Amino acid sequence: MGILSEREMLTRASRAKTCGQTLVMTNGCFDLLHPGHTHCLQTARRHGDRLIVAVNEDATVRRLKGTGRPIQPLARRMEVLANLSCVDWVVSFAEPTPARIIAAVAPDVLVKGGDYRPDEVVGGTLVVAHGGRVVIAETLPGWSTTGLLHDTRPGYAAA
């Protein structure tokens, strides 16, 4: 359980599959963990036996979200996620999208929260191609990291 290197995570994921466990995966920045995040993570966990969370590295968050982000460095973001009871394994990725790591894991279920349609989820086509499925977790209205920053930092502008 906890924070793993990609190699360790892939080894554990392979063992879990061999034991017949259902692997669920989600990904994101998880910069300031809030109820929208925890709702998505708990929803994801209900779809399988093991939940893997892939977290964007700091440079990727900056490219996606703009200067001033992430608020918390990768190690802190991963530590918070690893301490949630619904999360089994946390791993980071440096690429602009999680497509490569999703392909490597080949989860049974890929969960994404927010304003996505299943056909828009990065890695979704790969998951469906090997017999898996894509699940969109319901968004909790009013909860977003960008929204929190707008509320707490006058003049905050997202990328």
Protein backbone atom coordinates (compact mmCIF):
# COMPACT_ATOMS: atom_id res chain seq x y z
CA MET A 1 0.00 0.00 0.00
CA GLY A 2 1.09 3.60 -0.38
CA ILE A 3 3.40 5.53 -2.63
CA LEU A 4 5.19 3.35 -5.16
CA SER A 5 7.61 3.68 -8.02
CA GLU A 6 6.09 2.81 -11.36
CA ARG A 7 7.99 -0.49 -11.42
CA GLU A 8 6.71 -1.46 -7.95
CA MET A 9 3.18 -0.45 -8.84
CA LEU A 10 3.21 -2.50 -12.07
CA THR A 11 4.49 -5.54 -10.17
CA ARG A 12 1.73 -5.25 -7.58
CA ALA A 13 -0.90 -4.59 -10.23
CA SER A 14 0.19 -7.73 -12.11
CA ARG A 15 -0.02 -9.81 -8.92
CA ALA A 16 -3.47 -8.41 -8.15
CA LYS A 17 -4.71 -9.32 -11.65
CA THR A 18 -3.27 -12.82 -11.29
CA CYS A 19 -5.29 -13.17 -8.07
CA GLY A 20 -8.45 -12.12 -9.93
CA GLN A 21 -8.71 -8.68 -8.39
CA THR A 22 -10.35 -5.84 -10.31
CA LEU A 23 -8.00 -2.90 -10.87
CA VAL A 24 -9.42 0.61 -10.93
CA MET A 25 -7.35 3.62 -11.94
CA THR A 26 -7.81 7.36 -11.90
CA ASN A 27 -5.48 10.29 -12.33
CA GLY A 28 -5.13 14.00 -11.72
CA CYS A 29 -3.21 16.83 -10.12
CA PHE A 30 -4.87 16.61 -6.69
CA ASP A 31 -3.29 19.94 -5.77
CA LEU A 32 -5.56 20.93 -2.89
CA LEU A 33 -7.55 17.89 -1.88
CA HIS A 34 -11.23 18.78 -1.42
CA PRO A 35 -14.60 16.99 -1.21
CA GLY A 36 -14.86 16.82 -5.01
CA HIS A 37 -11.66 14.80 -5.09
CA THR A 38 -12.60 12.50 -2.23
CA HIS A 39 -16.03 11.88 -3.75
CA CYS A 40 -14.40 10.84 -7.04
CA LEU A 41 -11.87 8.61 -5.28
CA GLN A 42 -14.52 6.89 -3.17
CA THR A 43 -16.67 6.39 -6.26
CA ALA A 44 -13.69 4.89 -8.07
CA ARG A 45 -12.95 2.48 -5.24
CA ARG A 46 -16.49 1.09 -5.35
CA HIS A 47 -15.79 -0.21 -8.87
CA GLY A 48 -13.05 -2.67 -7.91
CA ASP A 49 -10.67 -4.27 -5.46
CA ARG A 50 -7.61 -2.04 -5.87
CA LEU A 51 -7.48 1.69 -6.59
CA ILE A 52 -4.41 3.12 -8.30
CA VAL A 53 -4.07 6.92 -8.40
CA ALA A 54 -1.63 8.40 -10.93
CA VAL A 55 -0.55 11.93 -10.02
CA ASN A 56 0.81 14.59 -12.36
CA GLU A 57 4.37 15.64 -11.51
CA ASP A 58 4.95 19.32 -10.66
CA ALA A 59 6.18 20.47 -14.08
CA THR A 60 3.13 18.95 -15.74
CA VAL A 61 0.80 20.69 -13.28
CA ARG A 62 2.48 24.02 -14.11
CA ARG A 63 1.97 23.41 -17.83
CA LEU A 64 -1.67 22.45 -17.30
CA LYS A 65 -2.69 24.93 -14.61
CA GLY A 66 -0.28 27.87 -14.97
CA THR A 67 2.27 29.64 -12.82
CA GLY A 68 1.75 29.41 -9.11
CA ARG A 69 0.65 25.80 -9.39
CA PRO A 70 0.94 23.33 -7.94
CA ILE A 71 0.29 24.80 -4.51
CA GLN A 72 1.72 21.66 -2.93
CA PRO A 73 4.71 19.76 -4.33
CA LEU A 74 4.31 16.23 -5.65
CA ALA A 75 5.56 14.49 -2.50
CA ARG A 76 2.93 16.19 -0.34
CA ARG A 77 0.13 15.56 -2.81
CA MET A 78 1.05 11.88 -3.01
CA GLU A 79 1.35 11.58 0.78
CA VAL A 80 -2.17 12.91 1.33
CA LEU A 81 -3.61 10.53 -1.28
CA ALA A 82 -1.71 7.54 0.08
CA ASN A 83 -3.27 8.12 3.49
CA LEU A 84 -6.85 7.87 2.23
CA SER A 85 -8.40 4.51 3.07
CA CYS A 86 -9.97 4.17 -0.38
CA VAL A 87 -6.58 4.46 -2.17
CA ASP A 88 -4.26 1.47 -2.48
CA TRP A 89 -1.36 2.70 -4.59
CA VAL A 90 -0.17 6.14 -5.64
CA VAL A 91 2.28 6.64 -8.49
CA SER A 92 3.47 9.72 -10.35
CA PHE A 93 3.81 10.39 -14.07
CA ALA A 94 5.71 13.10 -15.93
CA GLU A 95 4.10 13.01 -19.36
CA PRO A 96 1.49 15.58 -20.45
CA THR A 97 -1.21 12.87 -20.28
CA PRO A 98 -1.50 9.60 -18.35
CA ALA A 99 -1.95 7.53 -21.55
CA ARG A 100 1.36 5.66 -21.22
CA ILE A 101 0.90 4.67 -17.60
CA ILE A 102 -2.73 3.69 -18.19
CA ALA A 103 -1.59 1.46 -21.07
CA ALA A 104 1.08 -0.10 -18.85
CA VAL A 105 -1.39 -0.87 -16.04
CA ALA A 106 -4.30 -1.87 -18.31
CA PRO A 107 -6.86 -1.34 -15.53
CA ASP A 108 -10.24 -3.02 -15.63
CA VAL A 109 -11.94 0.29 -14.85
CA LEU A 110 -10.78 3.82 -15.57
CA VAL A 111 -12.55 6.52 -13.56
CA LYS A 112 -12.51 10.22 -14.23
CA GLY A 113 -14.47 12.89 -12.43
CA GLY A 114 -15.78 16.06 -13.88
CA ASP A 115 -17.12 17.29 -17.13
CA TYR A 116 -15.97 14.43 -19.33
CA ARG A 117 -17.80 12.04 -21.57
CA PRO A 118 -16.40 8.50 -21.59
CA ASP A 119 -15.09 8.93 -25.16
CA GLU A 120 -13.08 12.01 -24.06
CA VAL A 121 -11.14 10.34 -21.24
CA VAL A 122 -7.44 9.95 -22.02
CA GLY A 123 -6.62 6.24 -22.03
CA GLY A 124 -10.27 5.26 -22.20
CA THR A 125 -9.97 3.75 -25.66
CA LEU A 126 -7.09 1.56 -24.46
CA VAL A 127 -9.05 0.34 -21.46
CA VAL A 128 -12.16 -0.45 -23.49
CA ALA A 129 -10.06 -2.22 -26.16
CA HIS A 130 -8.92 -4.82 -23.62
CA GLY A 131 -12.44 -5.35 -22.24
CA GLY A 132 -12.45 -2.73 -19.50
CA ARG A 133 -14.74 0.20 -18.99
CA VAL A 134 -14.67 3.93 -18.38
CA VAL A 135 -16.71 5.43 -15.54
CA ILE A 136 -17.44 9.12 -15.05
CA ALA A 137 -17.88 10.02 -11.39
CA GLU A 138 -20.52 12.61 -10.63
CA THR A 139 -19.08 16.06 -10.01
CA LEU A 140 -19.91 17.76 -6.74
CA PRO A 141 -21.10 21.25 -7.65
CA GLY A 142 -18.96 24.08 -6.36
CA TRP A 143 -15.81 22.05 -5.72
CA SER A 144 -12.71 22.70 -7.77
CA THR A 145 -9.17 23.66 -6.85
CA THR A 146 -9.30 26.62 -9.24
CA GLY A 147 -12.54 27.77 -7.60
CA LEU A 148 -10.98 27.49 -4.15
CA LEU A 149 -8.02 29.55 -5.29
CA HIS A 150 -10.30 32.22 -6.75
CA ASP A 151 -12.08 32.38 -3.38
CA THR A 152 -8.91 32.59 -1.29
CA ARG A 153 -6.50 34.51 -3.53
CA PRO A 154 -7.79 37.81 -4.86
CA GLY A 155 -6.79 38.22 -8.49
CA TYR A 156 -5.94 34.55 -9.02
CA ALA A 157 -6.06 33.70 -12.73
CA ALA A 158 -5.93 30.14 -13.97
CA ALA A 159 -4.05 29.11 -17.10
